[in-house]
Amino acid sequence: MNASRHDIEEMDAERRIHRALAHPAFSDWLKSTLRSALECEPLRLANDLELLGHLLRPWSEARLAHHQDGTPVAGAHEPTRQMSRA
């Protein structure tokens, strides 16, 4: 039985994920997230990824901009005003 294009794409993606999991330079957070994602239902994961992008990208870009301007940036464990409202 020949593998479909979708099967090949999935196997290739899983190989890349497992290489990332084995790479020492990737963060523990990323590795934990990848492991968790492998257990998720695909549609739910796709929706969560979209939401994460909308939530985390602007936040991280703003923090990076402040850092580049020399403005102090809250520490990793220090909540920002936006986070404390939740």
PDB file of N, CA and C in Angstrom:
ATOM      1  N   MET A   1       0.844  -1.184   0.000  1.00  0.00           N
ATOM      2  CA  MET A   1       0.000   0.000   0.000  1.00  0.00           C
ATOM      3  C   MET A   1       0.889   1.246   0.000  1.00  0.00           C
ATOM      4  N   ASN A   2       0.616   2.154  -0.924  1.00  0.00           N
ATOM      5  CA  ASN A   2       1.372   3.385  -1.020  1.00  0.00           C
ATOM      6  C   ASN A   2       0.821   4.425  -0.056  1.00  0.00           C
ATOM      7  N   ALA A   3       1.710   5.191   0.530  1.00  0.00           N
ATOM      8  CA  ALA A   3       1.296   6.255   1.440  1.00  0.00           C
ATOM      9  C   ALA A   3       0.750   7.425   0.623  1.00  0.00           C
ATOM     10  N   SER A   4      -0.306   8.040   1.137  1.00  0.00           N
ATOM     11  CA  SER A   4      -0.868   9.209   0.467  1.00  0.00           C
ATOM     12  C   SER A   4       0.017  10.422   0.721  1.00  0.00           C
ATOM     13  N   ARG A   5      -0.240  11.461  -0.033  1.00  0.00           N
ATOM     14  CA  ARG A   5       0.501  12.716   0.145  1.00  0.00           C
ATOM     15  C   ARG A   5       0.321  13.221   1.576  1.00  0.00           C
ATOM     16  N   HIS A   6      -0.886  13.089   2.118  1.00  0.00           N
ATOM     17  CA  HIS A   6      -1.147  13.552   3.488  1.00  0.00           C
ATOM     18  C   HIS A   6      -0.375  12.720   4.513  1.00  0.00           C
ATOM     19  N   ASP A   7      -0.294  11.415   4.288  1.00  0.00           N
ATOM     20  CA  ASP A   7       0.478  10.555   5.186  1.00  0.00           C
ATOM     21  C   ASP A   7       1.950  10.960   5.181  1.00  0.00           C
ATOM     22  N   ILE A   8       2.480  11.222   3.997  1.00  0.00           N
ATOM     23  CA  ILE A   8       3.888  11.615   3.867  1.00  0.00           C
ATOM     24  C   ILE A   8       4.133  12.954   4.553  1.00  0.00           C
ATOM     25  N   GLU A   9       3.214  13.908   4.368  1.00  0.00           N
ATOM     26  CA  GLU A   9       3.354  15.214   5.015  1.00  0.00           C
ATOM     27  C   GLU A   9       3.305  15.077   6.530  1.00  0.00           C
ATOM     28  N   GLU A  10       2.411  14.231   7.029  1.00  0.00           N
ATOM     29  CA  GLU A  10       2.312  14.026   8.478  1.00  0.00           C
ATOM     30  C   GLU A  10       3.579  13.375   9.025  1.00  0.00           C
ATOM     31  N   MET A  11       4.088  12.374   8.331  1.00  0.00           N
ATOM     32  CA  MET A  11       5.321  11.709   8.788  1.00  0.00           C
ATOM     33  C   MET A  11       6.493  12.681   8.778  1.00  0.00           C
ATOM     34  N   ASP A  12       6.573  13.526   7.741  1.00  0.00           N
ATOM     35  CA  ASP A  12       7.647  14.519   7.666  1.00  0.00           C
ATOM     36  C   ASP A  12       7.539  15.514   8.813  1.00  0.00           C
ATOM     37  N   ALA A  13       6.317  15.961   9.095  1.00  0.00           N
ATOM     38  CA  ALA A  13       6.114  16.908  10.201  1.00  0.00           C
ATOM     39  C   ALA A  13       6.487  16.269  11.535  1.00  0.00           C
ATOM     40  N   GLU A  14       6.104  15.010  11.734  1.00  0.00           N
ATOM     41  CA  GLU A  14       6.455  14.321  12.982  1.00  0.00           C
ATOM     42  C   GLU A  14       7.959  14.141  13.117  1.00  0.00           C
ATOM     43  N   ARG A  15       8.645  13.861  12.023  1.00  0.00           N
ATOM     44  CA  ARG A  15      10.123  13.757  12.065  1.00  0.00           C
ATOM     45  C   ARG A  15      10.739  15.080  12.510  1.00  0.00           C
ATOM     46  N   ARG A  16      10.223  16.196  11.955  1.00  0.00           N
ATOM     47  CA  ARG A  16      10.749  17.513  12.335  1.00  0.00           C
ATOM     48  C   ARG A  16      10.475  17.810  13.803  1.00  0.00           C
ATOM     49  N   ILE A  17       9.307  17.427  14.284  1.00  0.00           N
ATOM     50  CA  ILE A  17       8.980  17.644  15.694  1.00  0.00           C
ATOM     51  C   ILE A  17       9.919  16.835  16.584  1.00  0.00           C
ATOM     52  N   HIS A  18      10.152  15.586  16.236  1.00  0.00           N
ATOM     53  CA  HIS A  18      11.028  14.746  17.057  1.00  0.00           C
ATOM     54  C   HIS A  18      12.482  15.229  17.014  1.00  0.00           C
ATOM     55  N   ARG A  19      12.906  15.795  15.887  1.00  0.00           N
ATOM     56  CA  ARG A  19      14.249  16.409  15.842  1.00  0.00           C
ATOM     57  C   ARG A  19      14.317  17.614  16.770  1.00  0.00           C
ATOM     58  N   ALA A  20      13.264  18.410  16.780  1.00  0.00           N
ATOM     59  CA  ALA A  20      13.220  19.574  17.674  1.00  0.00           C
ATOM     60  C   ALA A  20      13.240  19.128  19.129  1.00  0.00           C
ATOM     61  N   LEU A  21      12.514  18.058  19.448  1.00  0.00           N
ATOM     62  CA  LEU A  21      12.496  17.549  20.823  1.00  0.00           C
ATOM     63  C   LEU A  21      13.872  17.074  21.268  1.00  0.00           C
ATOM     64  N   ALA A  22      14.674  16.601  20.341  1.00  0.00           N
ATOM     65  CA  ALA A  22      16.009  16.105  20.679  1.00  0.00           C
ATOM     66  C   ALA A  22      17.070  17.201  20.650  1.00  0.00           C
ATOM     67  N   HIS A  23      16.736  18.360  20.127  1.00  0.00           N
ATOM     68  CA  HIS A  23      17.733  19.429  19.969  1.00  0.00           C
ATOM     69  C   HIS A  23      17.981  20.129  21.301  1.00  0.00           C
ATOM     70  N   PRO A  24      19.227  20.228  21.720  1.00  0.00           N
ATOM     71  CA  PRO A  24      19.520  20.828  23.031  1.00  0.00           C
ATOM     72  C   PRO A  24      19.283  22.345  23.098  1.00  0.00           C
ATOM     73  N   ALA A  25      19.222  23.017  21.962  1.00  0.00           N
ATOM     74  CA  ALA A  25      19.069  24.473  21.991  1.00  0.00           C
ATOM     75  C   ALA A  25      17.621  24.911  22.172  1.00  0.00           C
ATOM     76  N   PHE A  26      16.669  24.030  21.934  1.00  0.00           N
ATOM     77  CA  PHE A  26      15.273  24.413  22.072  1.00  0.00           C
ATOM     78  C   PHE A  26      14.878  24.428  23.545  1.00  0.00           C
ATOM     79  N   SER A  27      14.012  25.373  23.893  1.00  0.00           N
ATOM     80  CA  SER A  27      13.619  25.561  25.297  1.00  0.00           C
ATOM     81  C   SER A  27      12.761  24.410  25.807  1.00  0.00           C
ATOM     82  N   ASP A  28      12.778  24.250  27.119  1.00  0.00           N
ATOM     83  CA  ASP A  28      11.918  23.257  27.755  1.00  0.00           C
ATOM     84  C   ASP A  28      10.446  23.578  27.507  1.00  0.00           C
ATOM     85  N   TRP A  29      10.099  24.868  27.489  1.00  0.00           N
ATOM     86  CA  TRP A  29       8.724  25.262  27.220  1.00  0.00           C
ATOM     87  C   TRP A  29       8.284  24.783  25.836  1.00  0.00           C
ATOM     88  N   LEU A  30       9.131  24.992  24.826  1.00  0.00           N
ATOM     89  CA  LEU A  30       8.792  24.574  23.478  1.00  0.00           C
ATOM     90  C   LEU A  30       8.659  23.054  23.397  1.00  0.00           C
ATOM     91  N   LYS A  31       9.590  22.344  24.002  1.00  0.00           N
ATOM     92  CA  LYS A  31       9.535  20.882  23.972  1.00  0.00           C
ATOM     93  C   LYS A  31       8.291  20.360  24.674  1.00  0.00           C
ATOM     94  N   SER A  32       7.945  20.942  25.797  1.00  0.00           N
ATOM     95  CA  SER A  32       6.736  20.538  26.523  1.00  0.00           C
ATOM     96  C   SER A  32       5.493  20.817  25.681  1.00  0.00           C
ATOM     97  N   THR A  33       5.478  21.962  25.028  1.00  0.00           N
ATOM     98  CA  THR A  33       4.354  22.336  24.189  1.00  0.00           C
ATOM     99  C   THR A  33       4.221  21.380  23.002  1.00  0.00           C
ATOM    100  N   LEU A  34       5.349  21.023  22.394  1.00  0.00           N
ATOM    101  CA  LEU A  34       5.310  20.076  21.277  1.00  0.00           C
ATOM    102  C   LEU A  34       4.786  18.714  21.719  1.00  0.00           C
ATOM    103  N   ARG A  35       5.261  18.238  22.864  1.00  0.00           N
ATOM    104  CA  ARG A  35       4.789  16.943  23.374  1.00  0.00           C
ATOM    105  C   ARG A  35       3.281  16.974  23.617  1.00  0.00           C
ATOM    106  N   SER A  36       2.816  18.051  24.207  1.00  0.00           N
ATOM    107  CA  SER A  36       1.392  18.198  24.478  1.00  0.00           C
ATOM    108  C   SER A  36       0.596  18.283  23.176  1.00  0.00           C
ATOM    109  N   ALA A  37       1.117  18.999  22.208  1.00  0.00           N
ATOM    110  CA  ALA A  37       0.426  19.166  20.926  1.00  0.00           C
ATOM    111  C   ALA A  37       0.256  17.838  20.197  1.00  0.00           C
ATOM    112  N   LEU A  38       1.217  16.955  20.341  1.00  0.00           N
ATOM    113  CA  LEU A  38       1.126  15.656  19.676  1.00  0.00           C
ATOM    114  C   LEU A  38      -0.055  14.834  20.177  1.00  0.00           C
ATOM    115  N   GLU A  39      -0.552  15.160  21.364  1.00  0.00           N
ATOM    116  CA  GLU A  39      -1.678  14.433  21.953  1.00  0.00           C
ATOM    117  C   GLU A  39      -3.035  15.071  21.626  1.00  0.00           C
ATOM    118  N   CYS A  40      -3.022  16.252  21.003  1.00  0.00           N
ATOM    119  CA  CYS A  40      -4.256  16.998  20.758  1.00  0.00           C
ATOM    120  C   CYS A  40      -4.975  16.554  19.493  1.00  0.00           C
ATOM    121  N   GLU A  41      -6.267  16.778  19.499  1.00  0.00           N
ATOM    122  CA  GLU A  41      -7.081  16.574  18.308  1.00  0.00           C
ATOM    123  C   GLU A  41      -6.687  17.664  17.310  1.00  0.00           C
ATOM    124  N   PRO A  42      -6.468  17.337  16.037  1.00  0.00           N
ATOM    125  CA  PRO A  42      -5.906  18.298  15.074  1.00  0.00           C
ATOM    126  C   PRO A  42      -6.671  19.609  14.907  1.00  0.00           C
ATOM    127  N   LEU A  43      -7.993  19.565  14.848  1.00  0.00           N
ATOM    128  CA  LEU A  43      -8.746  20.808  14.662  1.00  0.00           C
ATOM    129  C   LEU A  43      -8.630  21.700  15.890  1.00  0.00           C
ATOM    130  N   ARG A  44      -8.721  21.104  17.062  1.00  0.00           N
ATOM    131  CA  ARG A  44      -8.574  21.892  18.295  1.00  0.00           C
ATOM    132  C   ARG A  44      -7.171  22.504  18.372  1.00  0.00           C
ATOM    133  N   LEU A  45      -6.163  21.731  18.002  1.00  0.00           N
ATOM    134  CA  LEU A  45      -4.792  22.241  18.007  1.00  0.00           C
ATOM    135  C   LEU A  45      -4.644  23.408  17.041  1.00  0.00           C
ATOM    136  N   ALA A  46      -5.195  23.275  15.835  1.00  0.00           N
ATOM    137  CA  ALA A  46      -5.107  24.360  14.852  1.00  0.00           C
ATOM    138  C   ALA A  46      -5.762  25.634  15.397  1.00  0.00           C
ATOM    139  N   ASN A  47      -6.911  25.488  16.041  1.00  0.00           N
ATOM    140  CA  ASN A  47      -7.589  26.655  16.620  1.00  0.00           C
ATOM    141  C   ASN A  47      -6.771  27.262  17.761  1.00  0.00           C
ATOM    142  N   ASP A  48      -6.206  26.406  18.608  1.00  0.00           N
ATOM    143  CA  ASP A  48      -5.390  26.899  19.718  1.00  0.00           C
ATOM    144  C   ASP A  48      -4.142  27.615  19.208  1.00  0.00           C
ATOM    145  N   LEU A  49      -3.526  27.092  18.161  1.00  0.00           N
ATOM    146  CA  LEU A  49      -2.343  27.736  17.594  1.00  0.00           C
ATOM    147  C   LEU A  49      -2.675  29.121  17.063  1.00  0.00           C
ATOM    148  N   GLU A  50      -3.821  29.232  16.404  1.00  0.00           N
ATOM    149  CA  GLU A  50      -4.259  30.533  15.892  1.00  0.00           C
ATOM    150  C   GLU A  50      -4.458  31.523  17.042  1.00  0.00           C
ATOM    151  N   LEU A  51      -5.107  31.080  18.094  1.00  0.00           N
ATOM    152  CA  LEU A  51      -5.348  31.939  19.253  1.00  0.00           C
ATOM    153  C   LEU A  51      -4.037  32.320  19.934  1.00  0.00           C
ATOM    154  N   LEU A  52      -3.140  31.359  20.104  1.00  0.00           N
ATOM    155  CA  LEU A  52      -1.838  31.665  20.711  1.00  0.00           C
ATOM    156  C   LEU A  52      -1.103  32.739  19.927  1.00  0.00           C
ATOM    157  N   GLY A  53      -1.146  32.631  18.613  1.00  0.00           N
ATOM    158  CA  GLY A  53      -0.500  33.649  17.783  1.00  0.00           C
ATOM    159  C   GLY A  53      -1.078  35.029  18.025  1.00  0.00           C
ATOM    160  N   HIS A  54      -2.405  35.115  18.131  1.00  0.00           N
ATOM    161  CA  HIS A  54      -3.054  36.407  18.370  1.00  0.00           C
ATOM    162  C   HIS A  54      -2.751  36.956  19.761  1.00  0.00           C
ATOM    163  N   LEU A  55      -2.566  36.064  20.727  1.00  0.00           N
ATOM    164  CA  LEU A  55      -2.323  36.506  22.099  1.00  0.00           C
ATOM    165  C   LEU A  55      -0.847  36.783  22.382  1.00  0.00           C
ATOM    166  N   LEU A  56       0.007  35.874  21.974  1.00  0.00           N
ATOM    167  CA  LEU A  56       1.418  35.963  22.362  1.00  0.00           C
ATOM    168  C   LEU A  56       2.284  36.812  21.436  1.00  0.00           C
ATOM    169  N   ARG A  57       1.975  36.846  20.138  1.00  0.00           N
ATOM    170  CA  ARG A  57       2.821  37.615  19.217  1.00  0.00           C
ATOM    171  C   ARG A  57       2.849  39.098  19.565  1.00  0.00           C
ATOM    172  N   PRO A  58       1.692  39.769  19.726  1.00  0.00           N
ATOM    173  CA  PRO A  58       1.743  41.196  20.077  1.00  0.00           C
ATOM    174  C   PRO A  58       2.422  41.449  21.424  1.00  0.00           C
ATOM    175  N   TRP A  59       2.173  40.569  22.371  1.00  0.00           N
ATOM    176  CA  TRP A  59       2.776  40.722  23.693  1.00  0.00           C
ATOM    177  C   TRP A  59       4.296  40.605  23.617  1.00  0.00           C
ATOM    178  N   SER A  60       4.780  39.580  22.920  1.00  0.00           N
ATOM    179  CA  SER A  60       6.227  39.394  22.836  1.00  0.00           C
ATOM    180  C   SER A  60       6.880  40.498  22.000  1.00  0.00           C
ATOM    181  N   GLU A  61       6.208  40.943  20.935  1.00  0.00           N
ATOM    182  CA  GLU A  61       6.762  42.022  20.114  1.00  0.00           C
ATOM    183  C   GLU A  61       6.858  43.317  20.911  1.00  0.00           C
ATOM    184  N   ALA A  62       5.862  43.599  21.740  1.00  0.00           N
ATOM    185  CA  ALA A  62       5.905  44.806  22.575  1.00  0.00           C
ATOM    186  C   ALA A  62       7.039  44.718  23.586  1.00  0.00           C
ATOM    187  N   ARG A  63       7.215  43.552  24.192  1.00  0.00           N
ATOM    188  CA  ARG A  63       8.309  43.362  25.153  1.00  0.00           C
ATOM    189  C   ARG A  63       9.668  43.525  24.471  1.00  0.00           C
ATOM    190  N   LEU A  64       9.798  42.972  23.276  1.00  0.00           N
ATOM    191  CA  LEU A  64      11.053  43.119  22.545  1.00  0.00           C
ATOM    192  C   LEU A  64      11.323  44.574  22.184  1.00  0.00           C
ATOM    193  N   ALA A  65      10.283  45.301  21.773  1.00  0.00           N
ATOM    194  CA  ALA A  65      10.438  46.712  21.433  1.00  0.00           C
ATOM    195  C   ALA A  65      10.886  47.509  22.643  1.00  0.00           C
ATOM    196  N   HIS A  66      10.286  47.244  23.812  1.00  0.00           N
ATOM    197  CA  HIS A  66      10.713  47.938  25.032  1.00  0.00           C
ATOM    198  C   HIS A  66      12.150  47.603  25.358  1.00  0.00           C
ATOM    199  N   HIS A  67      12.522  46.355  25.209  1.00  0.00           N
ATOM    200  CA  HIS A  67      13.890  45.930  25.499  1.00  0.00           C
ATOM    201  C   HIS A  67      14.879  46.638  24.575  1.00  0.00           C
ATOM    202  N   GLN A  68      14.548  46.760  23.310  1.00  0.00           N
ATOM    203  CA  GLN A  68      15.438  47.412  22.351  1.00  0.00           C
ATOM    204  C   GLN A  68      15.541  48.905  22.603  1.00  0.00           C
ATOM    205  N   ASP A  69      14.475  49.505  23.149  1.00  0.00           N
ATOM    206  CA  ASP A  69      14.495  50.936  23.461  1.00  0.00           C
ATOM    207  C   ASP A  69      15.224  51.237  24.767  1.00  0.00           C
ATOM    208  N   GLY A  70      15.595  50.202  25.501  1.00  0.00           N
ATOM    209  CA  GLY A  70      16.249  50.392  26.777  1.00  0.00           C
ATOM    210  C   GLY A  70      15.284  50.511  27.938  1.00  0.00           C
ATOM    211  N   THR A  71      13.995  50.408  27.659  1.00  0.00           N
ATOM    212  CA  THR A  71      12.983  50.460  28.704  1.00  0.00           C
ATOM    213  C   THR A  71      13.004  49.140  29.466  1.00  0.00           C
ATOM    214  N   PRO A  72      12.991  49.187  30.784  1.00  0.00           N
ATOM    215  CA  PRO A  72      12.964  47.929  31.542  1.00  0.00           C
ATOM    216  C   PRO A  72      11.748  47.099  31.179  1.00  0.00           C
ATOM    217  N   VAL A  73      11.960  45.818  31.086  1.00  0.00           N
ATOM    218  CA  VAL A  73      10.890  44.876  30.753  1.00  0.00           C
ATOM    219  C   VAL A  73      10.635  44.014  31.974  1.00  0.00           C
ATOM    220  N   ALA A  74       9.355  43.787  32.273  1.00  0.00           N
ATOM    221  CA  ALA A  74       8.994  42.962  33.425  1.00  0.00           C
ATOM    222  C   ALA A  74       9.646  41.592  33.298  1.00  0.00           C
ATOM    223  N   GLY A  75      10.054  41.031  34.421  1.00  0.00           N
ATOM    224  CA  GLY A  75      10.682  39.714  34.420  1.00  0.00           C
ATOM    225  C   GLY A  75       9.712  38.631  34.012  1.00  0.00           C
ATOM    226  N   ALA A  76      10.238  37.464  33.718  1.00  0.00           N
ATOM    227  CA  ALA A  76       9.424  36.356  33.222  1.00  0.00           C
ATOM    228  C   ALA A  76       8.334  35.955  34.208  1.00  0.00           C
ATOM    229  N   HIS A  77       8.565  36.157  35.503  1.00  0.00           N
ATOM    230  CA  HIS A  77       7.587  35.728  36.492  1.00  0.00           C
ATOM    231  C   HIS A  77       6.820  36.899  37.088  1.00  0.00           C
ATOM    232  N   GLU A  78       7.005  38.073  36.524  1.00  0.00           N
ATOM    233  CA  GLU A  78       6.343  39.262  37.019  1.00  0.00           C
ATOM    234  C   GLU A  78       5.173  39.596  36.103  1.00  0.00           C
ATOM    235  N   PRO A  79       3.926  39.568  36.572  1.00  0.00           N
ATOM    236  CA  PRO A  79       2.792  39.819  35.684  1.00  0.00           C
ATOM    237  C   PRO A  79       2.756  41.268  35.196  1.00  0.00           C
ATOM    238  N   THR A  80       2.363  41.462  33.964  1.00  0.00           N
ATOM    239  CA  THR A  80       2.158  42.800  33.442  1.00  0.00           C
ATOM    240  C   THR A  80       0.734  43.225  33.769  1.00  0.00           C
ATOM    241  N   ARG A  81       0.376  44.474  33.518  1.00  0.00           N
ATOM    242  CA  ARG A  81      -0.973  44.940  33.822  1.00  0.00           C
ATOM    243  C   ARG A  81      -2.012  44.127  33.059  1.00  0.00           C
ATOM    244  N   GLN A  82      -1.749  43.838  31.766  1.00  0.00           N
ATOM    245  CA  GLN A  82      -2.700  43.079  30.975  1.00  0.00           C
ATOM    246  C   GLN A  82      -2.902  41.692  31.564  1.00  0.00           C
ATOM    247  N   MET A  83      -1.848  41.046  32.030  1.00  0.00           N
ATOM    248  CA  MET A  83      -1.951  39.699  32.559  1.00  0.00           C
ATOM    249  C   MET A  83      -2.699  39.679  33.890  1.00  0.00           C
ATOM    250  N   SER A  84      -2.545  40.724  34.701  1.00  0.00           N
ATOM    251  CA  SER A  84      -3.148  40.713  36.029  1.00  0.00           C
ATOM    252  C   SER A  84      -4.656  40.927  35.977  1.00  0.00           C
ATOM    253  N   ARG A  85      -5.194  41.395  34.862  1.00  0.00           N
ATOM    254  CA  ARG A  85      -6.639  41.595  34.727  1.00  0.00           C
ATOM    255  C   ARG A  85      -7.391  40.290  34.520  1.00  0.00           C
ATOM    256  N   ALA A  86      -6.710  39.273  34.054  1.00  0.00           N
ATOM    257  CA  ALA A  86      -7.385  38.020  33.680  1.00  0.00           C
ATOM    258  C   ALA A  86      -7.993  37.313  34.861  1.00  0.00           C
TER     259      ALA A  86
END
